[in-house]
Protein backbone atom coordinates (compact mmCIF):
# COMPACT_ATOMS: atom_id res chain seq x y z
CA MET A 1 12.23 19.50 -6.54
CA SER A 2 8.39 19.42 -6.35
CA LYS A 3 6.00 21.25 -4.49
CA ALA A 4 4.38 19.67 -1.49
CA SER A 5 1.12 18.28 -2.23
CA GLU A 6 -1.74 16.39 -0.52
CA ILE A 7 -1.75 12.70 -0.89
CA ALA A 8 -4.52 11.99 2.01
CA ASN A 9 -6.49 13.86 3.88
CA ASN A 10 -4.18 16.60 6.14
CA VAL A 11 -1.09 14.47 4.93
CA TRP A 12 1.43 16.27 2.54
CA LEU A 13 4.26 14.62 0.57
CA GLY A 14 6.96 17.16 -0.45
CA PRO A 15 10.59 18.64 -0.06
CA THR A 16 12.05 19.84 3.12
CA PRO A 17 10.97 23.51 3.54
CA ASP A 18 12.99 25.91 4.71
CA SER A 19 11.97 27.95 8.07
CA SER A 20 9.97 30.61 6.15
CA SER A 21 7.69 28.26 4.58
CA LEU A 22 6.23 25.65 6.35
CA ARG A 23 2.97 26.17 4.51
CA PRO A 24 1.01 23.69 2.58
CA SER A 25 1.22 24.81 -1.26
CA SER A 26 -2.52 24.59 -2.05
CA GLU A 27 -3.76 26.41 1.60
CA PRO A 28 -4.28 30.04 1.88
CA GLN A 29 -1.77 32.25 3.62
CA ASP A 30 -3.75 32.54 6.72
CA GLU A 31 -3.72 28.80 7.34
CA SER A 32 -2.06 27.31 10.45
CA THR A 33 1.54 25.71 9.50
CA TYR A 34 2.26 22.43 9.28
CA ASP A 35 1.85 20.78 12.64
CA ILE A 36 4.21 18.06 12.28
CA LEU A 37 7.11 17.46 10.27
CA VAL A 38 8.24 14.13 9.18
CA GLU A 39 11.60 13.80 7.75
CA ALA A 40 12.89 10.86 5.88
CA SER A 41 16.76 10.04 6.76
CA ASP A 42 19.11 7.27 6.36
CA LEU A 43 20.47 7.48 9.77
CA ALA A 44 17.13 7.57 11.89
CA HIS A 45 15.10 4.44 12.94
CA PRO A 46 11.31 3.87 13.02
CA PRO A 47 10.28 5.80 16.45
CA GLU A 48 8.98 4.42 19.69
CA MET A 49 5.29 4.89 20.26
CA LYS A 50 6.23 6.77 23.47
CA THR A 51 8.24 9.29 21.47
CA LEU A 52 5.08 9.65 18.87
CA ASN A 53 2.90 9.96 21.94
CA ARG A 54 5.00 12.55 23.07
CA MET A 55 4.85 14.56 19.77
CA ALA A 56 1.44 14.34 19.45
CA GLU A 57 0.65 16.50 22.73
CA LEU A 58 3.74 18.52 21.74
CA SER A 59 2.30 19.42 18.48
CA LEU A 60 -0.55 21.37 20.02
CA ALA A 61 1.62 23.84 20.88
CA ALA A 62 4.27 24.59 18.36
CA PRO A 63 5.40 22.46 15.15
CA GLN A 64 6.97 19.62 15.75
CA HIS A 65 9.93 17.34 14.10
CA ILE A 66 10.78 13.57 13.83
CA GLU A 67 12.85 11.56 11.70
CA PHE A 68 11.81 8.14 9.95
CA PRO A 69 13.87 5.68 7.90
CA SER A 70 14.62 6.69 4.60
CA SER A 71 13.38 4.54 1.17
CA GLY A 72 15.88 1.96 0.89
CA SER A 73 17.08 1.65 4.54
CA ILE A 74 14.50 -1.53 5.28
CA MET A 75 16.67 -4.59 3.13
CA PRO A 76 15.26 -7.62 2.83
CA PRO A 77 15.20 -10.27 3.64
CA THR A 78 16.61 -8.61 7.22
CA TRP A 79 13.94 -6.71 8.09
CA SER A 80 12.85 -7.17 11.70
CA HIS A 81 9.25 -7.40 12.90
CA GLY A 82 10.23 -4.18 15.01
CA GLU A 83 10.72 -2.21 11.73
CA VAL A 84 7.83 -3.59 10.30
CA ASP A 85 5.67 -2.48 13.72
CA GLY A 86 7.41 0.93 13.59
CA LEU A 87 6.08 1.62 9.96
CA LEU A 88 2.41 0.16 11.24
CA ASP A 89 2.61 2.06 14.31
CA THR A 90 3.94 5.53 12.36
CA CYS A 91 1.16 5.02 9.54
CA HIS A 92 -1.44 4.61 12.53
CA TRP A 93 -0.24 7.69 14.56
CA ILE A 94 -0.42 9.80 11.30
CA TYR A 95 -3.81 8.95 10.27
CA LYS A 96 -5.49 9.46 13.75
CA LEU A 97 -3.94 12.89 14.03
CA ALA A 98 -5.01 13.85 9.95
CA ASN A 99 -8.05 12.51 11.21
CA PRO A 100 -9.29 12.52 14.57
CA GLU A 101 -12.80 12.61 14.52
CA MET A 102 -12.61 9.18 12.43
CA THR A 103 -10.61 7.76 14.68
CA PRO A 104 -11.80 6.07 18.62
CA ASP A 105 -10.03 8.06 21.63
CA PRO A 106 -8.46 5.02 23.57
CA SER A 107 -9.93 5.28 27.47
CA ASP A 108 -7.20 6.70 29.93
CA ASP A 109 -6.70 3.28 31.70
CA GLU A 110 -6.21 1.18 28.34
CA GLN A 111 -2.47 -0.24 27.75
CA ASP A 112 -0.73 -2.37 24.78
CA GLY A 113 1.30 -5.30 25.25
CA GLU A 114 4.68 -2.99 26.84
CA GLY A 115 2.26 -1.60 29.13
CA ASP A 116 2.26 1.39 27.29
CA ILE A 117 -0.80 3.88 27.37
CA PRO A 118 -2.02 4.41 23.59
CA MET A 119 -2.02 7.75 22.13
CA LYS A 120 -4.99 9.75 23.59
CA ILE A 121 -6.13 12.75 21.49
CA LEU A 122 -6.37 15.43 23.48
CA SER A 123 -7.64 17.73 20.98
CA PRO A 124 -10.27 17.46 18.41
CA ARG A 125 -8.42 19.54 15.96
CA SER A 126 -6.75 17.96 13.32
CA ARG A 127 -3.20 17.85 12.68
CA LYS A 128 -1.55 18.97 8.95
CA ILE A 129 1.68 16.46 8.35
CA LEU A 130 4.18 16.78 5.77
CA ILE A 131 6.35 13.77 5.31
CA HIS A 132 9.48 15.25 3.79
CA CYS A 133 12.98 15.01 2.46
CA ALA A 134 15.54 17.26 0.61
CA ASP A 135 14.13 16.44 -3.29
CA GLY A 136 10.46 16.25 -2.07
CA TYR A 137 10.55 12.31 -3.10
CA THR A 138 13.85 10.36 -3.42
CA GLU A 139 14.12 9.09 0.48
CA SER A 140 10.60 9.80 1.57
CA SER A 141 8.57 7.38 -1.32
CA LEU A 142 8.79 4.44 1.19
CA LEU A 143 6.91 6.05 4.19
CA GLY A 144 4.39 7.87 1.75
CA LEU A 145 3.81 4.63 -0.43
CA ALA A 146 3.13 2.68 2.74
CA TYR A 147 1.02 5.54 4.37
CA PHE A 148 -1.55 6.17 0.83
CA MET A 149 -1.48 1.76 1.20
CA PHE A 150 -2.57 2.08 4.39
CA ALA A 151 -5.34 5.22 4.35
CA GLU A 152 -6.81 3.90 1.02
CA CYS A 153 -6.45 0.15 2.16
CA VAL A 154 -5.18 -0.80 -1.47
CA PRO A 155 -2.15 -2.96 -2.26
CA VAL A 156 1.16 -1.48 -3.28
CA HIS A 157 1.09 -1.70 -7.62
CA VAL A 158 -2.41 0.37 -6.77
CA ALA A 159 -0.79 2.61 -4.42
CA TRP A 160 2.26 3.16 -7.03
CA ILE A 161 -0.16 3.89 -9.76
CA ARG A 162 -3.03 6.09 -7.95
CA MET A 163 0.16 8.07 -6.31
CA HIS A 164 1.45 9.20 -9.28
CA CYS A 165 -1.31 9.61 -11.85
CA GLU A 166 -4.37 10.88 -9.23
CA LYS A 167 -1.77 12.56 -6.78
CA GLN A 168 1.16 13.77 -9.66
CA ARG A 169 3.63 12.55 -7.20
CA ASN A 170 7.10 11.84 -8.60
CA PHE A 171 9.08 9.67 -6.14
CA PHE A 172 11.93 6.91 -6.39
CA ALA A 173 11.04 3.41 -4.46
CA TYR A 174 14.17 1.07 -4.20
CA PRO A 175 13.58 -2.52 -5.00
CA SER A 176 13.54 -3.27 -1.12
CA ASP A 177 11.02 -0.84 -0.64
CA VAL A 178 8.89 -2.93 -3.19
CA ALA A 179 9.73 -6.27 -1.86
CA LEU A 180 9.09 -5.05 1.67
CA LEU A 181 5.79 -3.68 0.64
CA ASN A 182 4.91 -6.58 -1.12
CA ALA A 183 5.13 -8.66 1.64
CA ILE A 184 3.69 -6.69 4.06
CA GLN A 185 0.40 -5.71 1.78
CA PRO A 186 -1.96 -8.05 3.60
CA ARG A 187 -1.12 -6.39 7.41
CA ILE A 188 -1.54 -2.83 5.95
CA MET A 189 -4.60 -3.57 4.28
CA GLN A 190 -6.16 -5.40 7.57
CA GLU A 191 -4.85 -2.54 9.77
CA SER A 192 -6.18 0.25 7.40
CA PRO A 193 -9.10 1.91 8.70
CA ARG A 194 -11.40 1.06 5.95
CA SER A 195 -10.82 -2.28 6.04
CA GLN A 196 -13.13 -2.35 9.66
CA GLY A 197 -10.18 -5.09 10.27
CA SER A 198 -10.91 -7.53 7.32
CA ILE A 199 -9.18 -8.18 3.60
CA PRO A 200 -10.09 -10.05 0.52
CA ALA A 201 -9.66 -13.58 0.97
CA THR A 202 -7.64 -13.21 -2.36
CA LEU A 203 -5.52 -10.10 -2.95
CA PRO A 204 -5.41 -8.79 -6.79
CA GLU A 205 -2.52 -10.18 -8.56
CA GLU A 206 0.50 -8.72 -9.02
CA PRO A 207 1.14 -7.43 -12.23
CA PRO A 208 3.57 -8.11 -14.49
CA TRP A 209 5.03 -4.32 -14.48
CA LEU A 210 5.72 -4.37 -10.65
CA LYS A 211 8.66 -6.71 -10.75
CA ASN A 212 10.36 -4.44 -14.00
CA ILE A 213 10.38 -1.40 -12.67
CA ASP A 214 13.79 0.38 -11.80
CA GLY A 215 12.12 2.63 -8.51
CA SER A 216 11.13 5.53 -10.32
CA LEU A 217 8.47 6.42 -12.76
CA PRO A 218 8.14 8.50 -15.62
CA SER A 219 7.98 12.42 -14.37
CA ARG A 220 4.91 14.29 -16.02
CA ILE A 221 5.98 17.19 -17.86
CA LEU A 222 2.94 18.34 -19.76
CA PRO A 223 -0.99 17.13 -19.26
CA TYR A 224 -0.64 15.00 -21.84
CA MET A 225 2.92 14.23 -21.66
CA TYR A 226 5.60 12.16 -19.79
CA LEU A 227 9.17 12.01 -20.17
CA GLY A 228 10.71 8.46 -19.13
CA ASN A 229 13.82 6.44 -19.61
CA ILE A 230 14.55 3.43 -21.85
CA SER A 231 13.60 1.37 -19.16
CA HIS A 232 10.18 2.95 -18.67
CA ALA A 233 9.82 2.44 -22.52
CA ASN A 234 10.78 -1.29 -22.28
CA ASN A 235 7.83 -1.85 -19.20
CA PRO A 236 4.85 -1.43 -21.67
CA GLU A 237 2.23 -3.05 -19.01
CA LEU A 238 3.19 0.05 -16.83
CA LEU A 239 2.98 2.53 -19.08
CA LYS A 240 -0.64 0.80 -20.26
CA ALA A 241 -0.96 1.25 -16.33
CA MET A 242 -0.35 5.05 -16.60
CA GLY A 243 -2.74 5.55 -19.42
CA VAL A 244 0.27 6.14 -21.91
CA THR A 245 -1.11 5.16 -25.39
CA ARG A 246 1.96 6.44 -27.92
CA ILE A 247 5.79 6.63 -27.64
CA LEU A 248 8.29 8.23 -29.40
CA SER A 249 11.78 6.73 -28.49
CA ILE A 250 14.96 8.71 -29.29
CA GLY A 251 18.76 7.33 -29.74
CA GLU A 252 17.65 3.96 -28.06
CA THR A 253 16.25 0.76 -29.49
CA VAL A 254 12.79 -0.87 -27.51
CA SER A 255 13.16 -5.00 -26.84
CA TRP A 256 9.52 -5.85 -26.52
CA PRO A 257 8.34 -9.24 -26.44
CA LYS A 258 7.12 -10.49 -29.77
CA GLY A 259 3.45 -9.50 -30.90
CA LYS A 260 3.86 -6.36 -28.28
CA HIS A 261 4.32 -3.61 -31.27
CA GLN A 262 1.16 -4.23 -33.08
CA SER A 263 -0.69 -4.69 -29.87
CA TRP A 264 0.11 -1.25 -29.62
CA GLY A 265 -0.65 0.00 -32.75
CA LEU A 266 2.24 0.73 -35.66
CA GLU A 267 0.89 4.18 -35.57
CA ASN A 268 1.02 5.11 -32.05
CA LEU A 269 5.28 4.09 -32.04
CA LEU A 270 8.00 6.01 -33.67
CA PHE A 271 11.28 4.98 -32.93
CA VAL A 272 14.20 7.35 -33.67
CA ASP A 273 17.79 5.04 -33.96
CA ARG A 274 19.67 7.47 -36.09
CA VAL A 275 21.31 9.17 -33.33
CA GLN A 276 23.04 8.49 -30.02
CA ASP A 277 21.89 9.93 -26.51
CA ASN A 278 25.90 11.36 -26.62
CA GLY A 279 25.75 14.63 -26.25
CA ILE A 280 27.15 15.12 -29.78
CA ASP A 281 24.78 13.97 -32.56
CA PRO A 282 22.07 16.40 -33.49
CA LEU A 283 18.34 15.82 -33.36
CA THR A 284 17.85 18.96 -36.26
CA ASP A 285 17.08 16.21 -38.57
CA GLU A 286 14.71 14.32 -37.04
CA LEU A 287 12.78 17.36 -34.90
CA GLU A 288 10.19 17.69 -37.86
CA ARG A 289 9.35 14.09 -37.68
CA GLY A 290 9.07 13.55 -33.92
CA LEU A 291 6.66 17.34 -33.71
CA GLU A 292 4.34 16.03 -36.05
CA PHE A 293 4.19 12.54 -34.01
CA ILE A 294 3.66 14.72 -30.85
CA GLY A 295 0.75 17.20 -32.71
CA ALA A 296 -1.33 14.08 -34.02
CA LEU A 297 -1.62 13.32 -29.95
CA PRO A 298 -4.95 12.78 -28.87
CA ASN A 299 -5.19 14.57 -24.99
CA HIS A 300 -2.95 11.99 -23.28
CA CYS A 301 -0.24 11.16 -23.59
CA LEU A 302 3.41 10.71 -24.72
CA THR A 303 6.29 8.95 -22.80
CA PRO A 304 9.49 9.86 -24.88
CA ALA A 305 12.68 7.32 -23.82
CA ALA A 306 16.11 7.89 -22.99
CA GLY A 307 17.49 10.32 -25.00
CA SER A 308 15.11 12.96 -25.90
CA ARG A 309 16.67 15.78 -25.07
């Protein structure tokens, strides 16, 4: 489980809090509680605008709770326009509440396509919003990534790296989430408050590592060290994007394209292949070599592969 942390102005991502700890972890104890808690749930449907508008009004008096579909629950290629609209509506709604000074206040007589009056912020006070699930990342990654793309106006692969490296968030996104966000990223970026209604004529090309991720990224365990699995170690372009410069792999054989070892530099790679990740083979004979390799590291950073126990 990871602590809640701020991924964008007034928006936090983290585990479901208990009733006695509704304060953002980075805030002093005299700060107000979260105003709105958005729980990612397998059983939830995208909320309607009427519900969101009402929630915005009620949050002035007490913290409010709302649910949103969890990661992996909006499946390609059968997702509906309604589901995508609900995702974007929720991103707009969160942004307006978190940044009321940066969003126009619609007039009372303005209506949307269904005849509903758009949300009118009744107080200039910004709201603190927590996107949460039980472990802090598995179910909430879809909405967290989508909101970061929306708030920062960045494509999915940039959001993936920045959320992990800059915001230091662990998260797990299913392949269906990657497919969905790739498909709708032009719309997310076009509707972003930072885009002013336009996006570049051509989006950055999708990096090769994106299609090879297994849903997770290596976990940062020290400022200069990540712990990952064999899938991570077999995705060297992802590791480069994360700033990884050296790899220690224990018990698994890394399969890289021809010439990739040389491009990294053989001195930056250590493969310990005389043990198996079976809980039985001892690492005693390899500890000194592994520790020497780790001790020779510059300030950033190492990725042990599967079997690094």
